[in-house]
Amino acid sequence: MSASGRMSWIAAAMVALVASALLSCSASESSADDAALVSKVTYGDDPANYGMLHVPAGLGPFPVVVMVHGGGWIQEHDLSYFEPLSQALAAEGVAVWNIEYRRVGGAGGWPVTLADADDATDALTGVVQVAANGRLDLGRVVVAGHSAGGHLAAWIVGRHTLPADAPGGQPTVLAKSAVVMAGVFDPALAVLNGHDKFVRDLIGGPPSEYPARYAVAAPIAHLPIGTKVIAMHGTADTTVDPVQSSSYVQAAQEFGDPAELVLIDGAGHGDFGNVDSDAWREAKRVILNEAWG
């Protein structure tokens, strides 16, 4: 081979090598951008201001389920029991934002717990969307919560009705619907008829002392909200009276809101938090229908 031929061969080989490297880099970046993701994302300065983000593999955009755990709004209970439920939803092809918030006994209580629920939801437009590589469909956001988290889920979906200076007033992210499992819709009713000390601790006292706080914190007081709420409750729930769900749905329907009541025969309060229970399987079906609908 002549000298000029060898030079041409070497040049061609170098061009091929560079092209291969660029293609490999591009494929690697593409794979990273659309890979399945489970990540802890912080949305504020407090250690409790974080959530676990689950994004399926693919380019999306994916509907988003904001999951709000229960546990009486108290420090002893965190989002960990909602992780298996979040994973089960993500396995069906939706993104899940399982949020933590400041709680009573820690840095939470009035009005911080409500403000955190609002901030965590609005974080979908910022740090959470960035962490998801822009793959979240913020036009299809569903909020789902259990027990105390059911109260927060119902509060989140109706917070746009609050005054601008109230916790949660003027939200950025508006959910298309909420699925509330064994939730507290009427905190005053829970205190007066249910003798619920957890509610008093969250608000700071009884309704007679803080009527304005209860009005802000009570999802039933925000009607009409113009947003679909599906209230699910077990008929055997002895922790949160099923009347919380039935009364809310009746009031919402009277206002013209598209609320629905789903009673699970024989289900207890904790069943919705058990990934292997019939109550959760039905709740998962309802949540996915809302997310994809």
Protein backbone atom coordinates (compact mmCIF):
# COMPACT_ATOMS: atom_id res chain seq x y z
CA MET A 1 0.00 0.00 0.00
CA SER A 2 1.32 3.41 -0.92
CA ALA A 3 1.98 6.09 1.70
CA SER A 4 -1.02 8.07 0.49
CA GLY A 5 -3.19 4.96 0.67
CA ARG A 6 -2.08 4.26 4.24
CA MET A 7 -2.90 7.86 5.22
CA SER A 8 -6.37 7.59 3.68
CA TRP A 9 -7.01 4.32 5.53
CA ILE A 10 -5.88 5.80 8.85
CA ALA A 11 -8.06 8.89 8.33
CA ALA A 12 -11.08 6.74 7.51
CA ALA A 13 -10.48 4.60 10.58
CA MET A 14 -10.27 7.67 12.81
CA VAL A 15 -13.53 9.06 11.40
CA ALA A 16 -15.24 5.72 12.02
CA LEU A 17 -13.88 5.59 15.59
CA VAL A 18 -15.12 9.11 16.40
CA ALA A 19 -18.53 8.38 14.87
CA SER A 20 -18.82 5.18 16.91
CA ALA A 21 -17.93 7.04 20.10
CA LEU A 22 -20.51 9.74 19.39
CA LEU A 23 -23.21 7.17 18.67
CA SER A 24 -22.34 5.29 21.86
CA CYS A 25 -22.47 8.50 23.89
CA SER A 26 -25.80 9.47 22.34
CA ALA A 27 -27.28 6.04 23.04
CA SER A 28 -26.02 6.18 26.62
CA GLU A 29 -27.54 9.63 27.18
CA SER A 30 -30.83 8.54 25.63
CA SER A 31 -30.90 5.45 27.82
CA ALA A 32 -30.27 7.56 30.93
CA ASP A 33 -33.01 10.01 29.99
CA ASP A 34 -35.69 7.34 29.62
CA ALA A 35 -34.55 4.86 32.27
CA ALA A 36 -36.77 3.77 35.16
CA LEU A 37 -36.08 5.94 38.19
CA VAL A 38 -36.53 5.76 41.95
CA SER A 39 -35.08 8.83 43.64
CA LYS A 40 -35.34 10.78 46.89
CA VAL A 41 -36.08 14.40 45.98
CA THR A 42 -36.06 17.29 48.47
CA TYR A 43 -38.57 20.14 48.08
CA GLY A 44 -37.65 22.28 51.12
CA ASP A 45 -35.11 22.94 53.84
CA ASP A 46 -36.45 20.71 56.62
CA PRO A 47 -35.31 17.06 56.73
CA ALA A 48 -38.96 16.04 56.34
CA ASN A 49 -39.35 18.06 53.13
CA TYR A 50 -38.75 15.25 50.67
CA GLY A 51 -40.51 12.60 48.68
CA MET A 52 -39.75 9.39 46.84
CA LEU A 53 -40.12 9.76 43.08
CA HIS A 54 -40.92 6.71 40.97
CA VAL A 55 -40.79 7.09 37.17
CA PRO A 56 -41.29 4.12 34.80
CA ALA A 57 -38.95 3.41 31.93
CA GLY A 58 -39.77 5.31 28.76
CA LEU A 59 -39.90 8.85 27.44
CA GLY A 60 -43.37 9.60 28.82
CA PRO A 61 -44.93 11.93 29.58
CA PHE A 62 -46.49 9.89 32.38
CA PRO A 63 -49.55 10.66 34.49
CA VAL A 64 -48.57 11.43 38.07
CA VAL A 65 -50.04 10.06 41.29
CA VAL A 66 -49.21 12.11 44.38
CA MET A 67 -49.31 9.66 47.29
CA VAL A 68 -49.94 11.04 50.80
CA HIS A 69 -49.37 8.64 53.69
CA GLY A 70 -51.40 8.57 56.89
CA GLY A 71 -50.64 7.83 60.50
CA GLY A 72 -52.48 10.49 62.47
CA TRP A 73 -50.26 13.31 61.18
CA ILE A 74 -47.74 12.27 63.86
CA GLN A 75 -43.97 11.97 63.74
CA GLU A 76 -43.92 8.23 64.44
CA HIS A 77 -45.43 7.40 61.05
CA ASP A 78 -43.66 8.22 57.79
CA LEU A 79 -43.97 7.49 54.09
CA SER A 80 -42.27 4.09 54.30
CA TYR A 81 -45.51 2.11 54.46
CA PHE A 82 -46.66 3.84 51.27
CA GLU A 83 -43.58 2.77 49.32
CA PRO A 84 -44.87 -0.74 48.41
CA LEU A 85 -48.12 0.88 47.23
CA SER A 86 -46.18 3.45 45.22
CA GLN A 87 -44.07 0.72 43.63
CA ALA A 88 -47.21 -1.21 42.71
CA LEU A 89 -48.60 1.85 40.91
CA ALA A 90 -45.33 2.63 39.13
CA ALA A 91 -45.21 -0.95 37.87
CA GLU A 92 -48.43 -0.16 35.99
CA GLY A 93 -46.78 2.67 34.04
CA VAL A 94 -47.60 5.82 36.01
CA ALA A 95 -45.18 8.13 37.80
CA VAL A 96 -45.57 8.35 41.57
CA TRP A 97 -44.54 11.15 43.93
CA ASN A 98 -44.76 9.70 47.46
CA ILE A 99 -44.49 12.75 49.71
CA GLU A 100 -43.24 13.26 53.23
CA TYR A 101 -44.24 16.25 55.34
CA ARG A 102 -43.57 17.72 58.78
CA ARG A 103 -45.72 16.07 61.41
CA VAL A 104 -47.00 16.58 64.94
CA GLY A 105 -44.35 15.67 67.48
CA GLY A 106 -41.67 16.90 65.11
CA ALA A 107 -41.70 20.26 63.35
CA GLY A 108 -45.27 19.87 62.07
CA GLY A 109 -48.75 20.86 63.20
CA TRP A 110 -50.69 24.00 62.35
CA PRO A 111 -50.14 25.38 59.72
CA VAL A 112 -46.90 23.68 58.73
CA THR A 113 -48.29 20.26 57.86
CA LEU A 114 -50.79 21.76 55.42
CA ALA A 115 -48.19 24.09 53.94
CA ASP A 116 -45.85 21.15 53.34
CA ALA A 117 -48.58 19.18 51.55
CA ASP A 118 -49.09 22.19 49.30
CA ASP A 119 -45.36 22.76 48.72
CA ALA A 120 -44.70 19.10 47.96
CA THR A 121 -47.47 19.07 45.36
CA ASP A 122 -46.36 22.32 43.74
CA ALA A 123 -42.80 20.97 43.60
CA LEU A 124 -43.96 18.85 40.66
CA THR A 125 -43.43 21.91 38.45
CA GLY A 126 -39.85 22.37 39.66
CA VAL A 127 -37.38 20.01 41.31
CA VAL A 128 -39.53 16.92 40.81
CA GLN A 129 -40.00 17.51 37.08
CA VAL A 130 -36.26 18.15 36.76
CA ALA A 131 -35.47 14.90 38.60
CA ALA A 132 -37.85 13.08 36.25
CA ASN A 133 -36.04 14.47 33.18
CA GLY A 134 -39.21 16.30 32.13
CA ARG A 135 -41.24 13.11 31.79
CA LEU A 136 -44.20 14.07 34.03
CA ASP A 137 -47.57 14.98 32.52
CA LEU A 138 -48.71 17.72 34.89
CA GLY A 139 -52.06 17.89 33.16
CA ARG A 140 -52.84 14.44 34.56
CA VAL A 141 -52.16 14.64 38.29
CA VAL A 142 -54.16 12.50 40.71
CA VAL A 143 -53.79 12.79 44.49
CA ALA A 144 -54.31 9.68 46.62
CA GLY A 145 -54.11 9.44 50.39
CA HIS A 146 -54.98 7.19 53.30
CA SER A 147 -56.40 8.14 56.70
CA ALA A 148 -54.67 11.38 57.80
CA GLY A 149 -53.11 11.39 54.35
CA GLY A 150 -56.60 11.04 52.94
CA HIS A 151 -57.48 14.26 54.73
CA LEU A 152 -54.44 15.95 53.16
CA ALA A 153 -55.26 14.53 49.73
CA ALA A 154 -58.79 15.93 49.90
CA TRP A 155 -57.40 19.22 51.19
CA ILE A 156 -54.84 19.40 48.36
CA VAL A 157 -57.47 18.89 45.67
CA GLY A 158 -59.66 21.66 47.09
CA ARG A 159 -57.05 24.17 48.26
CA HIS A 160 -57.57 26.41 45.23
CA THR A 161 -60.79 27.60 46.89
CA LEU A 162 -58.91 29.03 49.89
CA PRO A 163 -58.06 32.71 50.40
CA ALA A 164 -54.69 33.77 49.01
CA ASP A 165 -53.21 34.26 52.49
CA ALA A 166 -54.26 30.81 53.75
CA PRO A 167 -51.92 27.80 53.73
CA GLY A 168 -52.22 26.39 50.21
CA GLY A 169 -53.83 29.49 48.76
CA GLN A 170 -52.99 30.17 45.11
CA PRO A 171 -51.58 26.72 44.26
CA THR A 172 -49.53 26.06 41.14
CA VAL A 173 -50.50 22.42 40.55
CA LEU A 174 -54.20 21.57 40.30
CA ALA A 175 -55.02 17.87 40.44
CA LYS A 176 -57.64 16.41 38.10
CA SER A 177 -59.06 14.20 40.86
CA ALA A 178 -58.44 12.67 44.28
CA VAL A 179 -58.85 9.15 45.61
CA VAL A 180 -59.31 9.32 49.38
CA MET A 181 -59.01 6.09 51.37
CA ALA A 182 -60.60 6.12 54.84
CA GLY A 183 -59.99 9.85 55.05
CA VAL A 184 -61.02 12.60 57.44
CA PHE A 185 -63.10 15.11 55.46
CA ASP A 186 -64.58 16.92 58.47
CA PRO A 187 -62.01 17.42 61.24
CA ALA A 188 -64.54 19.12 63.55
CA LEU A 189 -66.87 16.12 63.27
CA ALA A 190 -63.94 13.83 64.08
CA VAL A 191 -63.23 15.80 67.26
CA LEU A 192 -66.80 16.29 68.45
CA ASN A 193 -68.29 12.91 67.53
CA GLY A 194 -65.20 10.75 67.21
CA HIS A 195 -63.17 12.15 70.12
CA ASP A 196 -60.16 12.26 67.81
CA LYS A 197 -57.15 13.67 69.70
CA PHE A 198 -54.99 13.49 66.59
CA VAL A 199 -57.07 16.19 64.92
CA ARG A 200 -56.86 18.45 67.99
CA ASP A 201 -53.09 18.06 68.02
CA LEU A 202 -52.87 18.89 64.31
CA ILE A 203 -55.00 22.04 64.57
CA GLY A 204 -53.77 23.10 68.01
CA GLY A 205 -57.01 22.70 69.95
CA PRO A 206 -60.77 22.06 69.63
CA PRO A 207 -63.09 23.70 67.10
CA SER A 208 -64.49 26.02 69.76
CA GLU A 209 -61.05 27.63 70.19
CA TYR A 210 -59.93 27.66 66.55
CA PRO A 211 -62.97 27.80 64.25
CA ALA A 212 -61.04 29.66 61.51
CA ARG A 213 -58.31 27.02 61.48
CA TYR A 214 -60.85 24.23 61.19
CA ALA A 215 -62.51 26.03 58.29
CA VAL A 216 -59.19 26.14 56.42
CA ALA A 217 -58.27 22.55 57.27
CA ALA A 218 -61.65 20.95 56.51
CA PRO A 219 -62.13 19.64 52.96
CA ILE A 220 -65.88 19.55 53.48
CA ALA A 221 -65.84 23.31 54.17
CA HIS A 222 -64.26 24.04 50.77
CA LEU A 223 -67.16 22.76 48.67
CA PRO A 224 -67.83 23.17 45.86
CA ILE A 225 -64.39 22.54 44.42
CA GLY A 226 -65.32 21.51 40.88
CA THR A 227 -62.96 18.53 41.02
CA LYS A 228 -63.72 14.83 41.20
CA VAL A 229 -63.21 13.14 44.56
CA ILE A 230 -63.66 9.41 45.05
CA ALA A 231 -64.10 8.57 48.73
CA MET A 232 -63.31 4.94 49.54
CA HIS A 233 -64.05 3.48 52.96
CA GLY A 234 -64.23 0.08 54.60
CA THR A 235 -67.51 -0.78 56.28
CA ALA A 236 -65.59 -2.33 59.21
CA ASP A 237 -63.45 0.79 59.86
CA THR A 238 -63.48 1.55 63.59
CA THR A 239 -60.73 4.20 63.44
CA VAL A 240 -62.27 6.72 61.03
CA ASP A 241 -66.06 6.51 60.87
CA PRO A 242 -67.31 5.80 57.33
CA VAL A 243 -69.73 8.71 57.85
CA GLN A 244 -66.75 10.96 57.11
CA SER A 245 -66.79 9.72 53.51
CA SER A 246 -70.54 9.39 53.05
CA SER A 247 -71.27 12.86 54.46
CA TYR A 248 -68.66 14.48 52.24
CA VAL A 249 -69.90 12.79 49.09
CA GLN A 250 -73.52 13.69 49.85
CA ALA A 251 -72.57 17.34 50.45
CA ALA A 252 -70.36 17.47 47.35
CA GLN A 253 -73.08 16.03 45.13
CA GLU A 254 -75.58 18.55 46.50
CA PHE A 255 -73.16 21.27 45.40
CA GLY A 256 -72.90 19.66 41.97
CA ASP A 257 -69.39 18.27 42.37
CA PRO A 258 -68.58 14.90 40.73
CA ALA A 259 -67.98 13.00 43.98
CA GLU A 260 -68.33 9.23 44.34
CA LEU A 261 -68.57 6.93 47.36
CA VAL A 262 -67.04 3.44 47.24
CA LEU A 263 -67.67 1.23 50.27
CA ILE A 264 -65.55 -1.91 50.65
CA ASP A 265 -67.57 -4.50 52.53
CA GLY A 266 -65.75 -5.85 55.59
CA ALA A 267 -62.60 -3.79 55.09
CA GLY A 268 -60.92 -2.25 58.12
CA HIS A 269 -59.02 1.00 58.43
CA GLY A 270 -55.54 -0.39 57.87
CA ASP A 271 -56.44 -2.55 54.89
CA PHE A 272 -55.90 0.29 52.42
CA GLY A 273 -52.27 0.47 53.53
CA ASN A 274 -51.63 -3.23 52.91
CA VAL A 275 -50.40 -3.90 49.37
CA ASP A 276 -51.74 -7.48 49.53
CA SER A 277 -55.28 -6.58 50.63
CA ASP A 278 -58.45 -6.60 48.54
CA ALA A 279 -59.10 -3.01 49.65
CA TRP A 280 -55.80 -1.82 48.20
CA ARG A 281 -56.27 -3.79 45.00
CA GLU A 282 -59.59 -2.03 44.45
CA ALA A 283 -58.07 1.34 45.38
CA LYS A 284 -55.21 0.75 42.95
CA ARG A 285 -57.68 -0.01 40.17
CA VAL A 286 -59.57 3.22 40.90
CA ILE A 287 -56.38 5.30 41.10
CA LEU A 288 -55.09 3.95 37.79
CA ASN A 289 -58.44 4.57 36.11
CA GLU A 290 -58.26 8.19 37.25
CA ALA A 291 -54.63 8.59 36.18
CA TRP A 292 -55.15 7.20 32.70
CA GLY A 293 -58.63 8.61 32.19
